[in-house]
């Protein structure tokens, strides 16, 4: 019954809130989620602190939909007035660290999975994965287990979006750039000042417009955020280092953006990572169309999630409000969880019909 699913989800979330699960320290919540599935008689797979399960009647000839959310949290900020690890319900709100990001989406997706788990007439397989290290984009989270899960057709990523359809998400690259010159005495016409060389490149980062723009986000955004050069006032510096924050869009892959940058600047450019790619899904995708038919709206999300690491079409959607994420006295409304469960089920039901 729906009421039982909702009650079980809220009870599990209350338990998870009371178990500290900072990124890389999620063993306790992973244990509880694993035990939850064991109690349900559902075969469970685990790799480090990642847990995943499949529906009862898996058919290798059918496509697989991934239902994914994370159970790690950031550390509580100093503004908390409540115990972040005490799950309390007051005025229709469930308080506690990770309640909104992303405990509510996690247990709502889990409830939807349980709803479909025993059904034998699905037109797709379902894999539910509760993963680690999302808050730090770590390598021991979703990225670690994707090869173990197998081929995927589509993914639903549970994050607080007020159950609206985040059809695109920006990517991220952090670039370490170094301009090279020649040192010399500042009092004489000696040396080749690396700062001046860096300024040319910095001006390029400030003014360059990429030819393609995202229909959702507009242009790629590049911001020089740090600069360092010189050791003493009377020596022309031989090197000047600066850092660039690049927010990529679905118009380019990170590798494409990096290649364009290297073509235009003289500084050495090294990306700390190109893993965190932008993501998007076509509005014409049947799952998005199903959401629109149910009164949901599409938008582009400026915040990152594990979508960046999932190499198939994906949609970010979940109960809760992103504005509450990482905030003091974090909470999610009980009604939001109820709505999330019902909408996830309705969306998957529509998708099943659309695939017939």
Foldseek 3Di string as FASTA:
>chain_A
DLVVLLVVLVVLLQVLLLDAAAFVRNQVNLVSVCVVCVVVVFDWDDDRSKIKGKADAADPVAAEEEEEAESHFHDADPPAPDDQNHFDADPQKTWHTCAQRFSLLLSLSVSLCVVCRHDDQFRHMYMYMHWGDFVPPDCRTPLVCPVVVDDHAEYEYEHAPQQFWAFKEWFKWKKKWKFFKFKDFQVDPDIDASVVLVVVLQVCLVDDWDPDADPAHGTKHKDWDDKDFDDDDGMRTGMIITMMMITHTPVDQLVVVVVVSVVPGPIDIDIPDSQQTMAGDDCPPQLNVLSVVVVHHYHHDHDGGCVSNDPHRYIYGHFHHPVQGSHHRRIGGSVSSSVRNVVVNSSSVSVRVVVD
